[in-house]
PDB file of N, CA and C in Angstrom:
ATOM      1  N   UNK A   1       1.069  -0.889   0.241  1.00  0.00           N
ATOM      2  CA  UNK A   1       0.133  -0.304   0.198  1.00  0.00           C
ATOM      3  C   UNK A   1       1.032   1.085   0.185  1.00  0.00           C
ATOM      4  N   UNK A   2       0.476   2.302  -0.922  1.00  0.00           N
ATOM      5  CA  UNK A   2       1.443   3.137  -0.352  1.00  0.00           C
ATOM      6  C   UNK A   2       0.937   4.354   0.273  1.00  0.00           C
ATOM      7  N   UNK A   3       2.214   5.368   0.286  1.00  0.00           N
ATOM      8  CA  UNK A   3       1.486   5.939   1.825  1.00  0.00           C
ATOM      9  C   UNK A   3       0.522   6.769   1.520  1.00  0.00           C
ATOM     10  N   UNK A   4       0.307   7.429   0.226  1.00  0.00           N
ATOM     11  CA  UNK A   4      -1.309   8.008   0.274  1.00  0.00           C
ATOM     12  C   UNK A   4      -2.551   7.434   0.590  1.00  0.00           C
ATOM     13  N   UNK A   5      -2.373   6.043   0.023  1.00  0.00           N
ATOM     14  CA  UNK A   5      -3.897   5.376   0.831  1.00  0.00           C
ATOM     15  C   UNK A   5      -3.642   5.693   2.049  1.00  0.00           C
ATOM     16  N   UNK A   6      -2.301   5.296   3.085  1.00  0.00           N
ATOM     17  CA  UNK A   6      -2.722   5.296   4.485  1.00  0.00           C
ATOM     18  C   UNK A   6      -2.856   6.500   5.148  1.00  0.00           C
ATOM     19  N   UNK A   7      -2.491   7.545   4.575  1.00  0.00           N
ATOM     20  CA  UNK A   7      -2.810   9.081   5.014  1.00  0.00           C
ATOM     21  C   UNK A   7      -4.196   9.367   4.951  1.00  0.00           C
ATOM     22  N   UNK A   8      -4.738   9.138   3.938  1.00  0.00           N
ATOM     23  CA  UNK A   8      -6.184   8.943   3.385  1.00  0.00           C
ATOM     24  C   UNK A   8      -7.162   8.083   4.331  1.00  0.00           C
ATOM     25  N   UNK A   9      -6.657   7.136   4.974  1.00  0.00           N
ATOM     26  CA  UNK A   9      -7.314   6.154   5.979  1.00  0.00           C
ATOM     27  C   UNK A   9      -7.232   6.553   7.387  1.00  0.00           C
ATOM     28  N   UNK A  10      -5.897   7.046   7.028  1.00  0.00           N
ATOM     29  CA  UNK A  10      -5.715   7.314   8.910  1.00  0.00           C
ATOM     30  C   UNK A  10      -6.442   8.869   8.801  1.00  0.00           C
ATOM     31  N   UNK A  11      -6.642   9.774   7.786  1.00  0.00           N
ATOM     32  CA  UNK A  11      -7.495  11.287   7.809  1.00  0.00           C
ATOM     33  C   UNK A  11      -8.742  10.978   8.433  1.00  0.00           C
ATOM     34  N   UNK A  12      -9.384   9.997   8.345  1.00  0.00           N
ATOM     35  CA  UNK A  12     -10.538   9.808   7.830  1.00  0.00           C
ATOM     36  C   UNK A  12     -11.025   9.121   9.355  1.00  0.00           C
ATOM     37  N   UNK A  13     -10.240   8.105   9.765  1.00  0.00           N
ATOM     38  CA  UNK A  13      -9.711   7.682  11.000  1.00  0.00           C
ATOM     39  C   UNK A  13      -9.751   8.404  12.317  1.00  0.00           C
ATOM     40  N   UNK A  14      -8.590   9.388  12.234  1.00  0.00           N
ATOM     41  CA  UNK A  14      -8.701  10.778  13.258  1.00  0.00           C
ATOM     42  C   UNK A  14      -9.647  11.226  13.234  1.00  0.00           C
ATOM     43  N   UNK A  15     -10.521  11.801  12.346  1.00  0.00           N
ATOM     44  CA  UNK A  15     -11.519  12.859  12.081  1.00  0.00           C
ATOM     45  C   UNK A  15     -12.735  12.280  13.016  1.00  0.00           C
ATOM     46  N   UNK A  16     -13.161  10.984  13.102  1.00  0.00           N
ATOM     47  CA  UNK A  16     -14.141   9.990  13.417  1.00  0.00           C
ATOM     48  C   UNK A  16     -14.000   9.840  14.949  1.00  0.00           C
ATOM     49  N   UNK A  17     -12.678   9.072  15.042  1.00  0.00           N
ATOM     50  CA  UNK A  17     -12.437   8.678  16.339  1.00  0.00           C
ATOM     51  C   UNK A  17     -11.388   9.479  17.267  1.00  0.00           C
ATOM     52  N   UNK A  18     -10.827  10.335  16.718  1.00  0.00           N
ATOM     53  CA  UNK A  18     -10.046  10.886  17.503  1.00  0.00           C
ATOM     54  C   UNK A  18     -10.464  12.805  16.913  1.00  0.00           C
ATOM     55  N   UNK A  19     -11.452  13.111  17.256  1.00  0.00           N
ATOM     56  CA  UNK A  19     -11.535  14.917  17.077  1.00  0.00           C
ATOM     57  C   UNK A  19     -10.952  15.436  17.871  1.00  0.00           C
ATOM     58  N   UNK A  20     -10.944  15.342  18.823  1.00  0.00           N
ATOM     59  CA  UNK A  20     -10.155  16.274  19.572  1.00  0.00           C
ATOM     60  C   UNK A  20      -8.907  16.075  18.999  1.00  0.00           C
ATOM     61  N   UNK A  21      -8.038  15.712  18.968  1.00  0.00           N
ATOM     62  CA  UNK A  21      -6.628  15.613  18.179  1.00  0.00           C
ATOM     63  C   UNK A  21      -6.703  16.360  16.725  1.00  0.00           C
ATOM     64  N   UNK A  22      -7.663  15.558  15.904  1.00  0.00           N
ATOM     65  CA  UNK A  22      -7.795  15.850  14.502  1.00  0.00           C
ATOM     66  C   UNK A  22      -8.156  17.501  14.637  1.00  0.00           C
ATOM     67  N   UNK A  23      -9.190  18.072  15.520  1.00  0.00           N
ATOM     68  CA  UNK A  23      -9.365  19.505  15.187  1.00  0.00           C
ATOM     69  C   UNK A  23      -8.233  20.538  15.172  1.00  0.00           C
ATOM     70  N   UNK A  24      -7.540  19.658  16.771  1.00  0.00           N
ATOM     71  CA  UNK A  24      -6.433  20.511  17.429  1.00  0.00           C
ATOM     72  C   UNK A  24      -5.350  20.714  16.274  1.00  0.00           C
ATOM     73  N   UNK A  25      -4.869  19.810  15.609  1.00  0.00           N
ATOM     74  CA  UNK A  25      -3.626  19.228  14.445  1.00  0.00           C
ATOM     75  C   UNK A  25      -4.198  20.160  13.079  1.00  0.00           C
ATOM     76  N   UNK A  26      -5.986  20.422  13.018  1.00  0.00           N
ATOM     77  CA  UNK A  26      -6.260  21.168  11.375  1.00  0.00           C
ATOM     78  C   UNK A  26      -6.070  22.604  12.128  1.00  0.00           C
ATOM     79  N   UNK A  27      -6.219  22.858  13.451  1.00  0.00           N
ATOM     80  CA  UNK A  27      -6.530  24.506  13.597  1.00  0.00           C
ATOM     81  C   UNK A  27      -4.648  24.620  13.943  1.00  0.00           C
ATOM     82  N   UNK A  28      -4.013  23.650  14.168  1.00  0.00           N
ATOM     83  CA  UNK A  28      -2.025  24.445  14.445  1.00  0.00           C
ATOM     84  C   UNK A  28      -1.881  24.389  12.906  1.00  0.00           C
ATOM     85  N   UNK A  29      -2.333  23.885  11.987  1.00  0.00           N
ATOM     86  CA  UNK A  29      -1.905  23.798  10.493  1.00  0.00           C
ATOM     87  C   UNK A  29      -0.818  22.873  10.052  1.00  0.00           C
ATOM     88  N   UNK A  30      -1.064  21.485  11.287  1.00  0.00           N
ATOM     89  CA  UNK A  30       0.063  20.657  10.855  1.00  0.00           C
ATOM     90  C   UNK A  30      -0.469  19.130  10.947  1.00  0.00           C
ATOM     91  N   UNK A  31      -2.034  19.130  10.521  1.00  0.00           N
ATOM     92  CA  UNK A  31      -2.561  17.745  10.117  1.00  0.00           C
ATOM     93  C   UNK A  31      -1.984  17.014   9.215  1.00  0.00           C
ATOM     94  N   UNK A  32      -1.525  17.342   7.612  1.00  0.00           N
ATOM     95  CA  UNK A  32      -1.097  16.881   6.871  1.00  0.00           C
ATOM     96  C   UNK A  32       0.324  16.455   7.075  1.00  0.00           C
ATOM     97  N   UNK A  33       1.484  17.099   7.748  1.00  0.00           N
ATOM     98  CA  UNK A  33       2.435  16.984   8.091  1.00  0.00           C
ATOM     99  C   UNK A  33       2.589  15.504   9.154  1.00  0.00           C
ATOM    100  N   UNK A  34       1.423  15.617   9.901  1.00  0.00           N
ATOM    101  CA  UNK A  34       1.103  14.836  11.167  1.00  0.00           C
ATOM    102  C   UNK A  34       0.670  13.488  10.157  1.00  0.00           C
ATOM    103  N   UNK A  35      -0.158  13.353   9.817  1.00  0.00           N
ATOM    104  CA  UNK A  35      -0.379  12.619   8.727  1.00  0.00           C
ATOM    105  C   UNK A  35       0.716  11.534   7.989  1.00  0.00           C
ATOM    106  N   UNK A  36       1.455  12.166   7.557  1.00  0.00           N
ATOM    107  CA  UNK A  36       2.336  11.669   6.338  1.00  0.00           C
ATOM    108  C   UNK A  36       3.360  11.121   7.776  1.00  0.00           C
ATOM    109  N   UNK A  37       3.847  11.496   8.716  1.00  0.00           N
ATOM    110  CA  UNK A  37       4.736  11.271   9.987  1.00  0.00           C
ATOM    111  C   UNK A  37       3.611   9.957  10.069  1.00  0.00           C
ATOM    112  N   UNK A  38       3.132  10.299  10.932  1.00  0.00           N
ATOM    113  CA  UNK A  38       2.466   8.766  11.014  1.00  0.00           C
ATOM    114  C   UNK A  38       2.391   7.503   9.711  1.00  0.00           C
ATOM    115  N   UNK A  39       2.254   8.334   8.607  1.00  0.00           N
ATOM    116  CA  UNK A  39       2.476   7.095   7.217  1.00  0.00           C
ATOM    117  C   UNK A  39       4.068   6.615   7.145  1.00  0.00           C
ATOM    118  N   UNK A  40       4.853   7.396   7.485  1.00  0.00           N
ATOM    119  CA  UNK A  40       6.074   7.102   7.198  1.00  0.00           C
ATOM    120  C   UNK A  40       6.763   6.144   8.624  1.00  0.00           C
ATOM    121  N   UNK A  41       5.772   6.634   9.771  1.00  0.00           N
ATOM    122  CA  UNK A  41       6.869   5.663  10.643  1.00  0.00           C
ATOM    123  C   UNK A  41       5.706   3.873  10.711  1.00  0.00           C
ATOM    124  N   UNK A  42       4.751   3.860  10.034  1.00  0.00           N
ATOM    125  CA  UNK A  42       3.842   2.952  10.116  1.00  0.00           C
ATOM    126  C   UNK A  42       5.039   1.823   8.928  1.00  0.00           C
ATOM    127  N   UNK A  43       5.324   2.474   7.772  1.00  0.00           N
ATOM    128  CA  UNK A  43       5.857   1.838   6.890  1.00  0.00           C
ATOM    129  C   UNK A  43       7.392   1.447   7.507  1.00  0.00           C
ATOM    130  N   UNK A  44       8.243   2.601   8.315  1.00  0.00           N
ATOM    131  CA  UNK A  44       9.457   1.957   8.586  1.00  0.00           C
ATOM    132  C   UNK A  44       9.282   0.899   9.912  1.00  0.00           C
ATOM    133  N   UNK A  45       8.852   1.159  10.537  1.00  0.00           N
ATOM    134  CA  UNK A  45       8.507  -0.267  10.994  1.00  0.00           C
ATOM    135  C   UNK A  45       7.784  -1.038  11.112  1.00  0.00           C
ATOM    136  N   UNK A  46       7.097  -1.529   9.808  1.00  0.00           N
ATOM    137  CA  UNK A  46       6.537  -2.279   9.129  1.00  0.00           C
ATOM    138  C   UNK A  46       7.734  -3.057   8.523  1.00  0.00           C
ATOM    139  N   UNK A  47       8.985  -2.551   7.917  1.00  0.00           N
ATOM    140  CA  UNK A  47       9.444  -2.945   7.057  1.00  0.00           C
ATOM    141  C   UNK A  47      10.620  -3.570   7.990  1.00  0.00           C
ATOM    142  N   UNK A  48      10.751  -2.839   9.240  1.00  0.00           N
ATOM    143  CA  UNK A  48      12.060  -3.582  10.190  1.00  0.00           C
ATOM    144  C   UNK A  48      11.296  -5.219  10.947  1.00  0.00           C
ATOM    145  N   UNK A  49       9.928  -5.015  10.909  1.00  0.00           N
ATOM    146  CA  UNK A  49       9.669  -6.767  11.351  1.00  0.00           C
ATOM    147  C   UNK A  49       9.327  -7.653  10.322  1.00  0.00           C
ATOM    148  N   UNK A  50       9.539  -6.785   8.874  1.00  0.00           N
ATOM    149  CA  UNK A  50       9.536  -8.502   7.649  1.00  0.00           C
ATOM    150  C   UNK A  50      11.000  -8.345   7.625  1.00  0.00           C
ATOM    151  N   UNK A  51      11.800  -7.423   8.238  1.00  0.00           N
ATOM    152  CA  UNK A  51      13.293  -7.996   8.407  1.00  0.00           C
ATOM    153  C   UNK A  51      13.074  -8.840   9.189  1.00  0.00           C
ATOM    154  N   UNK A  52      13.254  -8.927  10.308  1.00  0.00           N
ATOM    155  CA  UNK A  52      13.020  -9.778  11.167  1.00  0.00           C
ATOM    156  C   UNK A  52      11.774 -11.172  10.996  1.00  0.00           C
ATOM    157  N   UNK A  53      11.557 -11.345   9.702  1.00  0.00           N
ATOM    158  CA  UNK A  53      10.828 -12.256   9.474  1.00  0.00           C
ATOM    159  C   UNK A  53       9.100 -12.273   9.532  1.00  0.00           C
ATOM    160  N   UNK A  54       8.619 -11.388   9.967  1.00  0.00           N
ATOM    161  CA  UNK A  54       7.286 -11.182  10.146  1.00  0.00           C
ATOM    162  C   UNK A  54       6.540 -11.092   8.472  1.00  0.00           C
ATOM    163  N   UNK A  55       5.512 -11.413   8.519  1.00  0.00           N
ATOM    164  CA  UNK A  55       5.107 -11.640   6.816  1.00  0.00           C
ATOM    165  C   UNK A  55       4.156  -9.816   6.734  1.00  0.00           C
ATOM    166  N   UNK A  56       3.995  -9.433   5.603  1.00  0.00           N
ATOM    167  CA  UNK A  56       3.678  -7.708   5.898  1.00  0.00           C
ATOM    168  C   UNK A  56       2.008  -7.995   6.153  1.00  0.00           C
ATOM    169  N   UNK A  57       1.434  -8.723   6.176  1.00  0.00           N
ATOM    170  CA  UNK A  57       0.274  -8.701   7.151  1.00  0.00           C
ATOM    171  C   UNK A  57       0.337  -9.279   8.529  1.00  0.00           C
ATOM    172  N   UNK A  58       1.595  -9.959   9.218  1.00  0.00           N
ATOM    173  CA  UNK A  58       1.587 -10.036  10.129  1.00  0.00           C
ATOM    174  C   UNK A  58       2.301  -8.230  11.356  1.00  0.00           C
ATOM    175  N   UNK A  59       3.150  -8.103  10.026  1.00  0.00           N
ATOM    176  CA  UNK A  59       3.641  -6.572  10.702  1.00  0.00           C
ATOM    177  C   UNK A  59       2.427  -5.569  10.465  1.00  0.00           C
ATOM    178  N   UNK A  60       1.782  -5.128   9.192  1.00  0.00           N
ATOM    179  CA  UNK A  60       0.289  -4.074   9.333  1.00  0.00           C
ATOM    180  C   UNK A  60      -0.223  -4.712  10.635  1.00  0.00           C
ATOM    181  N   UNK A  61      -0.662  -6.146  11.030  1.00  0.00           N
ATOM    182  CA  UNK A  61      -1.238  -6.169  12.502  1.00  0.00           C
ATOM    183  C   UNK A  61      -0.921  -5.479  13.507  1.00  0.00           C
ATOM    184  N   UNK A  62       0.792  -5.734  13.829  1.00  0.00           N
ATOM    185  CA  UNK A  62       1.108  -5.157  14.958  1.00  0.00           C
ATOM    186  C   UNK A  62       1.504  -3.656  14.654  1.00  0.00           C
ATOM    187  N   UNK A  63       1.421  -3.087  13.713  1.00  0.00           N
ATOM    188  CA  UNK A  63       1.950  -1.572  13.788  1.00  0.00           C
ATOM    189  C   UNK A  63       0.951  -0.507  13.363  1.00  0.00           C
ATOM    190  N   UNK A  64      -0.262  -0.920  12.888  1.00  0.00           N
ATOM    191  CA  UNK A  64      -1.277  -0.004  12.493  1.00  0.00           C
ATOM    192  C   UNK A  64      -1.660   0.483  13.603  1.00  0.00           C
ATOM    193  N   UNK A  65      -2.443   0.090  14.697  1.00  0.00           N
ATOM    194  CA  UNK A  65      -2.866   0.758  15.490  1.00  0.00           C
ATOM    195  C   UNK A  65      -1.799   2.271  16.557  1.00  0.00           C
ATOM    196  N   UNK A  66      -0.705   1.891  16.353  1.00  0.00           N
ATOM    197  CA  UNK A  66       0.139   2.604  16.588  1.00  0.00           C
ATOM    198  C   UNK A  66       0.294   3.994  16.383  1.00  0.00           C
ATOM    199  N   UNK A  67      -0.032   3.931  15.216  1.00  0.00           N
ATOM    200  CA  UNK A  67       0.247   5.707  14.285  1.00  0.00           C
ATOM    201  C   UNK A  67      -1.104   5.866  13.576  1.00  0.00           C
ATOM    202  N   UNK A  68      -1.595   5.165  12.651  1.00  0.00           N
ATOM    203  CA  UNK A  68      -2.187   4.970  11.519  1.00  0.00           C
ATOM    204  C   UNK A  68      -3.921   5.142  11.906  1.00  0.00           C
ATOM    205  N   UNK A  69      -4.157   4.466  13.219  1.00  0.00           N
ATOM    206  CA  UNK A  69      -5.570   4.032  13.507  1.00  0.00           C
ATOM    207  C   UNK A  69      -5.627   3.871  15.086  1.00  0.00           C
ATOM    208  N   UNK A  70      -4.833   4.922  16.114  1.00  0.00           N
ATOM    209  CA  UNK A  70      -5.329   4.883  17.234  1.00  0.00           C
ATOM    210  C   UNK A  70      -6.941   4.493  17.788  1.00  0.00           C
ATOM    211  N   UNK A  71      -6.858   4.580  19.030  1.00  0.00           N
ATOM    212  CA  UNK A  71      -8.253   3.967  20.210  1.00  0.00           C
ATOM    213  C   UNK A  71      -8.862   5.213  19.521  1.00  0.00           C
ATOM    214  N   UNK A  72     -10.053   4.619  19.865  1.00  0.00           N
ATOM    215  CA  UNK A  72     -10.826   6.027  19.941  1.00  0.00           C
ATOM    216  C   UNK A  72     -11.096   6.985  21.421  1.00  0.00           C
ATOM    217  N   UNK A  73     -10.875   8.094  21.042  1.00  0.00           N
ATOM    218  CA  UNK A  73     -10.558   8.907  22.737  1.00  0.00           C
ATOM    219  C   UNK A  73     -11.499   8.978  23.620  1.00  0.00           C
TER     220      UNK A  73
END
């Protein structure tokens, strides 16, 4: 998956499940950069897991909620 897809998915998730954070980042003018950072960190951590023998799916399952899809506020 490319970063733009992750960014788009995370934007929707944050808006719905992290509305306070979403609005604060939007007001501060850093929402898009924070979304990109989250996607890049997800990619980097997934790559590290894959280099240690995890499948792409296993790596995704371990990392996705850390940056892209945090739990509801």
